[in-house]
């Protein structure tokens, strides 16, 4: 087990500086254009693939970093560049985590490479969990998966929403209800291979922020996939369901479903994304405050501005420490006994919204225009308190974990 440290080693610093250079030289110059176009920035993703950032190898190296700091460090630097483009680059990672968290070794080796493609032909993947009537309320999920034993196939029907890369993905990972009587414990995850009949893109959403990231509905109409596309396999699923039924009868401990296992693993990473956006806005505000003059002196000479910047930096550093702690715990098998993963996501998300709003205020009228990036950063920051579990859901998870009570 790696010791927890707040100091990056030399290799990590080298990777951080490399990512920062890519974010500064490639992502930032393209940010405003793709925000306006509201389209997937395929040329930027391809550039990331060419240098090795958008690849299974890079993601795996960071994911398996024994210190746990590889993923949060990478997320912070890329999202410092631009949240929308960065999400297009890392969005495939959520589907990959879904396979890593629930799949067999064979499934991991088969499907994750197909999620990324290669530098000459980049692909993306989508993780599909939310539904029009079941976002945070996963127990209300309606998408069904029925096993056709005669053909050893699963048949899926339903509609997913808010899916990053939904409909344009090469590989979709879909969470569906297999046993409705078990509620949220009766869910399972399925791989939908490329070109599978019955899967189509529904509505593409025009969003307030992260506009360079494709978000859409995914419609499943009698989608048939081989039995091997059930993540983890049917034997493991049957065993899990049997345990869930026994525990339900005995009123025992809760069993996590497939979607929750994925979100729990990814929450600190989302916190790191929020830290990157917050840090970017803070740096713009700091530079502006040191050069913008009013009444014959830089506005940072005023305590009203200087104290805001002091608070912004303090909150950013505190958020990063929570993210790093949770990331280290996750990699080293430390249980989140106080919901540390949710803590990191909650605090970092709220920090990003607050810091970007303060940055707009410090820039005044300029901050409200698209001539300065803090306007876009403020719009982008709103998503962190919503996706992969709203701030309200994070507080609920934390409160339930601390109290042991079924707080509603």
Foldseek 3Di string as FASTA:
>chain_A
DDDADPDDDPVLVVVLVVLLVLLVPPQQVCAVVLLVVLAAPVVSLLVCQVVPNQAPVQVVCQLLPLLLCSLLSNLLSNLLSPLLNSCSSCVLVLVLLLLVLFADPVCNVPPSRLQAPHSVDGFHEKEFQAAPVPDPNSLPFDWEWEADVVQQKIWTFDKTFFIFCAFRGQKYKYKHAYDNVLRLLRIFIFIQHGPFPQKHWDDWDCALASSNITTTMIGGDRGIDHQNRTGNGDVVSVVSVVVSVVCVVVVHDDDHHSLVSSLLLCLLSLLSSLLSLLVSLLVVLVVQQQPDDDPHHRNCVDCVSVVLSVVLVVLSVVLVVLSSVSSSCVSVVNDPLQLSSLVSLLSSLVSSLVSLVSSLVSVDPVSCDPVDCSVNSNSHSNCSCPPSAHSVRSVQVNVCSVPVDNDD
